[in-house]
Amino acid sequence: MTNSFVQLSFNENIYKRRDRNPMLPVMLPMMTYKVDCLVECIDATGANDIIKVIVLGKDSTLPLISANL
């Protein structure tokens, strides 16, 4: 799999992104990949909520995989 990217979905009243969606040039089966995404809590009370991580391919809007953090 080539040219996939990581997208985050979250409550924009609580969090904001500090960087862009990272691109994954190549993904091979049975390999583990680490991707850093900077997210900042902007809620004055320090509230938290679910952040959904979605990996998308370049030619499809359907997620290859997703997870909730």
PDB file of N, CA and C in Angstrom:
ATOM      1  N   MET A   1       0.855  -1.167   0.000  1.00  0.00           N
ATOM      2  CA  MET A   1       0.000   0.000   0.000  1.00  0.00           C
ATOM      3  C   MET A   1       0.903   1.233   0.000  1.00  0.00           C
ATOM      4  N   THR A   2       0.629   2.149  -0.893  1.00  0.00           N
ATOM      5  CA  THR A   2       1.436   3.369  -0.972  1.00  0.00           C
ATOM      6  C   THR A   2       0.553   4.606  -0.862  1.00  0.00           C
ATOM      7  N   ASN A   3       1.178   5.676  -0.435  1.00  0.00           N
ATOM      8  CA  ASN A   3       0.552   7.005  -0.357  1.00  0.00           C
ATOM      9  C   ASN A   3      -0.746   7.036   0.438  1.00  0.00           C
ATOM     10  N   SER A   4      -0.706   6.494   1.639  1.00  0.00           N
ATOM     11  CA  SER A   4      -1.829   6.596   2.568  1.00  0.00           C
ATOM     12  C   SER A   4      -1.560   7.775   3.496  1.00  0.00           C
ATOM     13  N   PHE A   5      -2.605   8.231   4.176  1.00  0.00           N
ATOM     14  CA  PHE A   5      -2.372   9.301   5.148  1.00  0.00           C
ATOM     15  C   PHE A   5      -3.239   9.111   6.371  1.00  0.00           C
ATOM     16  N   VAL A   6      -2.805   9.704   7.467  1.00  0.00           N
ATOM     17  CA  VAL A   6      -3.477   9.611   8.756  1.00  0.00           C
ATOM     18  C   VAL A   6      -4.309  10.873   8.952  1.00  0.00           C
ATOM     19  N   GLN A   7      -5.559  10.674   9.328  1.00  0.00           N
ATOM     20  CA  GLN A   7      -6.448  11.801   9.602  1.00  0.00           C
ATOM     21  C   GLN A   7      -7.002  11.635  11.011  1.00  0.00           C
ATOM     22  N   LEU A   8      -7.135  12.738  11.732  1.00  0.00           N
ATOM     23  CA  LEU A   8      -7.711  12.713  13.070  1.00  0.00           C
ATOM     24  C   LEU A   8      -9.079  13.373  13.044  1.00  0.00           C
ATOM     25  N   SER A   9     -10.008  12.795  13.782  1.00  0.00           N
ATOM     26  CA  SER A   9     -11.341  13.370  13.930  1.00  0.00           C
ATOM     27  C   SER A   9     -11.563  13.593  15.425  1.00  0.00           C
ATOM     28  N   PHE A  10     -11.914  14.838  15.806  1.00  0.00           N
ATOM     29  CA  PHE A  10     -12.058  15.167  17.221  1.00  0.00           C
ATOM     30  C   PHE A  10     -12.958  16.374  17.385  1.00  0.00           C
ATOM     31  N   ASN A  11     -13.349  16.641  18.619  1.00  0.00           N
ATOM     32  CA  ASN A  11     -14.166  17.795  18.964  1.00  0.00           C
ATOM     33  C   ASN A  11     -13.296  19.047  18.896  1.00  0.00           C
ATOM     34  N   GLU A  12     -13.579  19.934  17.963  1.00  0.00           N
ATOM     35  CA  GLU A  12     -12.757  21.131  17.767  1.00  0.00           C
ATOM     36  C   GLU A  12     -12.964  22.188  18.844  1.00  0.00           C
ATOM     37  N   ASN A  13     -13.947  21.988  19.738  1.00  0.00           N
ATOM     38  CA  ASN A  13     -14.105  22.877  20.890  1.00  0.00           C
ATOM     39  C   ASN A  13     -13.162  22.495  22.019  1.00  0.00           C
ATOM     40  N   ILE A  14     -12.611  21.287  21.949  1.00  0.00           N
ATOM     41  CA  ILE A  14     -11.719  20.797  22.999  1.00  0.00           C
ATOM     42  C   ILE A  14     -10.273  20.720  22.528  1.00  0.00           C
ATOM     43  N   TYR A  15     -10.061  20.308  21.270  1.00  0.00           N
ATOM     44  CA  TYR A  15      -8.713  20.082  20.747  1.00  0.00           C
ATOM     45  C   TYR A  15      -8.444  20.901  19.489  1.00  0.00           C
ATOM     46  N   LYS A  16      -7.163  21.100  19.210  1.00  0.00           N
ATOM     47  CA  LYS A  16      -6.758  21.637  17.907  1.00  0.00           C
ATOM     48  C   LYS A  16      -5.479  20.927  17.472  1.00  0.00           C
ATOM     49  N   ARG A  17      -5.342  20.777  16.158  1.00  0.00           N
ATOM     50  CA  ARG A  17      -4.142  20.152  15.575  1.00  0.00           C
ATOM     51  C   ARG A  17      -3.024  21.163  15.543  1.00  0.00           C
ATOM     52  N   ARG A  18      -1.821  20.683  15.766  1.00  0.00           N
ATOM     53  CA  ARG A  18      -0.658  21.559  15.693  1.00  0.00           C
ATOM     54  C   ARG A  18       0.196  21.242  14.478  1.00  0.00           C
ATOM     55  N   ASP A  19      -0.235  20.266  13.677  1.00  0.00           N
ATOM     56  CA  ASP A  19       0.509  19.902  12.472  1.00  0.00           C
ATOM     57  C   ASP A  19      -0.478  19.406  11.407  1.00  0.00           C
ATOM     58  N   ARG A  20       0.041  18.998  10.273  1.00  0.00           N
ATOM     59  CA  ARG A  20      -0.801  18.512   9.173  1.00  0.00           C
ATOM     60  C   ARG A  20      -0.974  17.004   9.255  1.00  0.00           C
ATOM     61  N   ASN A  21      -1.865  16.481   8.400  1.00  0.00           N
ATOM     62  CA  ASN A  21      -2.060  15.036   8.331  1.00  0.00           C
ATOM     63  C   ASN A  21      -0.807  14.382   7.760  1.00  0.00           C
ATOM     64  N   PRO A  22      -0.181  13.475   8.509  1.00  0.00           N
ATOM     65  CA  PRO A  22       1.041  12.847   8.008  1.00  0.00           C
ATOM     66  C   PRO A  22       0.763  11.869   6.869  1.00  0.00           C
ATOM     67  N   MET A  23       1.659  11.825   5.916  1.00  0.00           N
ATOM     68  CA  MET A  23       1.589  10.905   4.783  1.00  0.00           C
ATOM     69  C   MET A  23       2.419   9.674   5.104  1.00  0.00           C
ATOM     70  N   LEU A  24       1.899   8.523   4.748  1.00  0.00           N
ATOM     71  CA  LEU A  24       2.632   7.266   4.888  1.00  0.00           C
ATOM     72  C   LEU A  24       3.014   6.805   3.491  1.00  0.00           C
ATOM     73  N   PRO A  25       4.273   6.966   3.088  1.00  0.00           N
ATOM     74  CA  PRO A  25       4.663   6.663   1.713  1.00  0.00           C
ATOM     75  C   PRO A  25       4.478   5.195   1.348  1.00  0.00           C
ATOM     76  N   VAL A  26       4.800   4.279   2.278  1.00  0.00           N
ATOM     77  CA  VAL A  26       4.660   2.843   2.020  1.00  0.00           C
ATOM     78  C   VAL A  26       4.231   2.159   3.307  1.00  0.00           C
ATOM     79  N   MET A  27       3.259   1.254   3.202  1.00  0.00           N
ATOM     80  CA  MET A  27       2.880   0.408   4.327  1.00  0.00           C
ATOM     81  C   MET A  27       2.980  -1.047   3.875  1.00  0.00           C
ATOM     82  N   LEU A  28       3.745  -1.828   4.633  1.00  0.00           N
ATOM     83  CA  LEU A  28       3.937  -3.233   4.316  1.00  0.00           C
ATOM     84  C   LEU A  28       3.226  -4.095   5.356  1.00  0.00           C
ATOM     85  N   PRO A  29       2.707  -5.271   4.964  1.00  0.00           N
ATOM     86  CA  PRO A  29       2.040  -6.153   5.922  1.00  0.00           C
ATOM     87  C   PRO A  29       2.998  -6.609   7.023  1.00  0.00           C
ATOM     88  N   MET A  30       2.447  -6.817   8.204  1.00  0.00           N
ATOM     89  CA  MET A  30       3.179  -7.337   9.358  1.00  0.00           C
ATOM     90  C   MET A  30       4.249  -6.380   9.887  1.00  0.00           C
ATOM     91  N   MET A  31       4.175  -5.126   9.521  1.00  0.00           N
ATOM     92  CA  MET A  31       5.115  -4.121  10.015  1.00  0.00           C
ATOM     93  C   MET A  31       4.359  -3.171  10.943  1.00  0.00           C
ATOM     94  N   THR A  32       5.056  -2.645  11.942  1.00  0.00           N
ATOM     95  CA  THR A  32       4.486  -1.662  12.854  1.00  0.00           C
ATOM     96  C   THR A  32       5.037  -0.293  12.482  1.00  0.00           C
ATOM     97  N   TYR A  33       4.146   0.696  12.428  1.00  0.00           N
ATOM     98  CA  TYR A  33       4.543   2.052  12.061  1.00  0.00           C
ATOM     99  C   TYR A  33       4.176   3.005  13.186  1.00  0.00           C
ATOM    100  N   LYS A  34       5.062   3.918  13.490  1.00  0.00           N
ATOM    101  CA  LYS A  34       4.811   4.942  14.490  1.00  0.00           C
ATOM    102  C   LYS A  34       4.675   6.281  13.778  1.00  0.00           C
ATOM    103  N   VAL A  35       3.574   6.983  14.080  1.00  0.00           N
ATOM    104  CA  VAL A  35       3.306   8.283  13.468  1.00  0.00           C
ATOM    105  C   VAL A  35       2.991   9.258  14.588  1.00  0.00           C
ATOM    106  N   ASP A  36       3.684  10.381  14.626  1.00  0.00           N
ATOM    107  CA  ASP A  36       3.430  11.404  15.629  1.00  0.00           C
ATOM    108  C   ASP A  36       2.469  12.444  15.084  1.00  0.00           C
ATOM    109  N   CYS A  37       1.417  12.739  15.854  1.00  0.00           N
ATOM    110  CA  CYS A  37       0.448  13.780  15.520  1.00  0.00           C
ATOM    111  C   CYS A  37       0.298  14.667  16.751  1.00  0.00           C
ATOM    112  N   LEU A  38       0.550  15.937  16.598  1.00  0.00           N
ATOM    113  CA  LEU A  38       0.467  16.865  17.728  1.00  0.00           C
ATOM    114  C   LEU A  38      -0.944  17.423  17.851  1.00  0.00           C
ATOM    115  N   VAL A  39      -1.546  17.212  19.020  1.00  0.00           N
ATOM    116  CA  VAL A  39      -2.889  17.699  19.331  1.00  0.00           C
ATOM    117  C   VAL A  39      -2.797  18.446  20.649  1.00  0.00           C
ATOM    118  N   GLU A  40      -3.439  19.609  20.699  1.00  0.00           N
ATOM    119  CA  GLU A  40      -3.403  20.433  21.913  1.00  0.00           C
ATOM    120  C   GLU A  40      -4.808  20.588  22.469  1.00  0.00           C
ATOM    121  N   CYS A  41      -4.946  20.428  23.791  1.00  0.00           N
ATOM    122  CA  CYS A  41      -6.219  20.674  24.457  1.00  0.00           C
ATOM    123  C   CYS A  41      -6.376  22.181  24.628  1.00  0.00           C
ATOM    124  N   ILE A  42      -7.467  22.734  24.104  1.00  0.00           N
ATOM    125  CA  ILE A  42      -7.696  24.177  24.195  1.00  0.00           C
ATOM    126  C   ILE A  42      -8.846  24.513  25.147  1.00  0.00           C
ATOM    127  N   ASP A  43      -9.435  23.497  25.787  1.00  0.00           N
ATOM    128  CA  ASP A  43     -10.530  23.718  26.720  1.00  0.00           C
ATOM    129  C   ASP A  43      -9.967  24.270  28.033  1.00  0.00           C
ATOM    130  N   ALA A  44     -10.565  25.346  28.530  1.00  0.00           N
ATOM    131  CA  ALA A  44     -10.076  26.010  29.734  1.00  0.00           C
ATOM    132  C   ALA A  44     -10.174  25.112  30.973  1.00  0.00           C
ATOM    133  N   THR A  45     -11.120  24.170  30.983  1.00  0.00           N
ATOM    134  CA  THR A  45     -11.290  23.288  32.139  1.00  0.00           C
ATOM    135  C   THR A  45     -10.468  22.003  32.018  1.00  0.00           C
ATOM    136  N   GLY A  46      -9.807  21.815  30.885  1.00  0.00           N
ATOM    137  CA  GLY A  46      -9.015  20.606  30.671  1.00  0.00           C
ATOM    138  C   GLY A  46      -9.853  19.393  30.319  1.00  0.00           C
ATOM    139  N   ALA A  47     -11.032  19.629  29.770  1.00  0.00           N
ATOM    140  CA  ALA A  47     -11.928  18.535  29.385  1.00  0.00           C
ATOM    141  C   ALA A  47     -11.249  17.624  28.366  1.00  0.00           C
ATOM    142  N   ASN A  48     -11.754  16.390  28.271  1.00  0.00           N
ATOM    143  CA  ASN A  48     -11.216  15.480  27.273  1.00  0.00           C
ATOM    144  C   ASN A  48     -12.355  14.801  26.516  1.00  0.00           C
ATOM    145  N   ASP A  49     -12.027  14.191  25.401  1.00  0.00           N
ATOM    146  CA  ASP A  49     -13.005  13.533  24.555  1.00  0.00           C
ATOM    147  C   ASP A  49     -12.261  12.533  23.669  1.00  0.00           C
ATOM    148  N   ILE A  50     -12.992  11.750  22.941  1.00  0.00           N
ATOM    149  CA  ILE A  50     -12.408  10.747  22.046  1.00  0.00           C
ATOM    150  C   ILE A  50     -11.757  11.426  20.842  1.00  0.00           C
ATOM    151  N   ILE A  51     -10.588  10.917  20.475  1.00  0.00           N
ATOM    152  CA  ILE A  51      -9.926  11.311  19.227  1.00  0.00           C
ATOM    153  C   ILE A  51      -9.908  10.070  18.347  1.00  0.00           C
ATOM    154  N   LYS A  52     -10.483  10.165  17.161  1.00  0.00           N
ATOM    155  CA  LYS A  52     -10.509   9.041  16.243  1.00  0.00           C
ATOM    156  C   LYS A  52      -9.359   9.183  15.254  1.00  0.00           C
ATOM    157  N   VAL A  53      -8.584   8.111  15.108  1.00  0.00           N
ATOM    158  CA  VAL A  53      -7.466   8.062  14.169  1.00  0.00           C
ATOM    159  C   VAL A  53      -7.911   7.221  12.980  1.00  0.00           C
ATOM    160  N   ILE A  54      -7.779   7.779  11.781  1.00  0.00           N
ATOM    161  CA  ILE A  54      -8.252   7.113  10.569  1.00  0.00           C
ATOM    162  C   ILE A  54      -7.110   7.077   9.561  1.00  0.00           C
ATOM    163  N   VAL A  55      -6.869   5.910   8.986  1.00  0.00           N
ATOM    164  CA  VAL A  55      -5.880   5.774   7.914  1.00  0.00           C
ATOM    165  C   VAL A  55      -6.643   5.598   6.611  1.00  0.00           C
ATOM    166  N   LEU A  56      -6.381   6.504   5.664  1.00  0.00           N
ATOM    167  CA  LEU A  56      -7.069   6.512   4.374  1.00  0.00           C
ATOM    168  C   LEU A  56      -6.085   6.257   3.240  1.00  0.00           C
ATOM    169  N   GLY A  57      -6.554   5.548   2.227  1.00  0.00           N
ATOM    170  CA  GLY A  57      -5.756   5.355   1.019  1.00  0.00           C
ATOM    171  C   GLY A  57      -5.917   6.548   0.097  1.00  0.00           C
ATOM    172  N   LYS A  58      -5.040   6.676  -0.869  1.00  0.00           N
ATOM    173  CA  LYS A  58      -5.076   7.842  -1.758  1.00  0.00           C
ATOM    174  C   LYS A  58      -6.254   7.818  -2.717  1.00  0.00           C
ATOM    175  N   ASP A  59      -6.819   6.642  -3.003  1.00  0.00           N
ATOM    176  CA  ASP A  59      -7.856   6.536  -4.023  1.00  0.00           C
ATOM    177  C   ASP A  59      -9.241   6.228  -3.465  1.00  0.00           C
ATOM    178  N   SER A  60      -9.430   6.314  -2.152  1.00  0.00           N
ATOM    179  CA  SER A  60     -10.711   5.929  -1.576  1.00  0.00           C
ATOM    180  C   SER A  60     -11.051   6.815  -0.386  1.00  0.00           C
ATOM    181  N   THR A  61     -12.332   7.003  -0.149  1.00  0.00           N
ATOM    182  CA  THR A  61     -12.777   7.737   1.033  1.00  0.00           C
ATOM    183  C   THR A  61     -13.129   6.776   2.162  1.00  0.00           C
ATOM    184  N   LEU A  62     -13.092   5.470   1.900  1.00  0.00           N
ATOM    185  CA  LEU A  62     -13.346   4.481   2.950  1.00  0.00           C
ATOM    186  C   LEU A  62     -12.064   4.241   3.739  1.00  0.00           C
ATOM    187  N   PRO A  63     -12.165   4.226   5.064  1.00  0.00           N
ATOM    188  CA  PRO A  63     -10.960   4.016   5.879  1.00  0.00           C
ATOM    189  C   PRO A  63     -10.354   2.641   5.671  1.00  0.00           C
ATOM    190  N   LEU A  64      -9.030   2.583   5.664  1.00  0.00           N
ATOM    191  CA  LEU A  64      -8.332   1.298   5.664  1.00  0.00           C
ATOM    192  C   LEU A  64      -8.400   0.697   7.056  1.00  0.00           C
ATOM    193  N   ILE A  65      -8.289   1.563   8.066  1.00  0.00           N
ATOM    194  CA  ILE A  65      -8.390   1.158   9.468  1.00  0.00           C
ATOM    195  C   ILE A  65      -8.671   2.409  10.300  1.00  0.00           C
ATOM    196  N   SER A  66      -9.318   2.224  11.447  1.00  0.00           N
ATOM    197  CA  SER A  66      -9.559   3.351  12.345  1.00  0.00           C
ATOM    198  C   SER A  66      -9.470   2.856  13.778  1.00  0.00           C
ATOM    199  N   ALA A  67      -9.225   3.791  14.688  1.00  0.00           N
ATOM    200  CA  ALA A  67      -9.140   3.483  16.115  1.00  0.00           C
ATOM    201  C   ALA A  67      -9.557   4.711  16.908  1.00  0.00           C
ATOM    202  N   ASN A  68     -10.107   4.470  18.079  1.00  0.00           N
ATOM    203  CA  ASN A  68     -10.464   5.559  18.990  1.00  0.00           C
ATOM    204  C   ASN A  68      -9.445   5.633  20.115  1.00  0.00           C
ATOM    205  N   LEU A  69      -9.010   6.841  20.427  1.00  0.00           N
ATOM    206  CA  LEU A  69      -8.081   7.049  21.545  1.00  0.00           C
ATOM    207  C   LEU A  69      -8.768   7.829  22.634  1.00  0.00           C
TER     208      LEU A  69
END
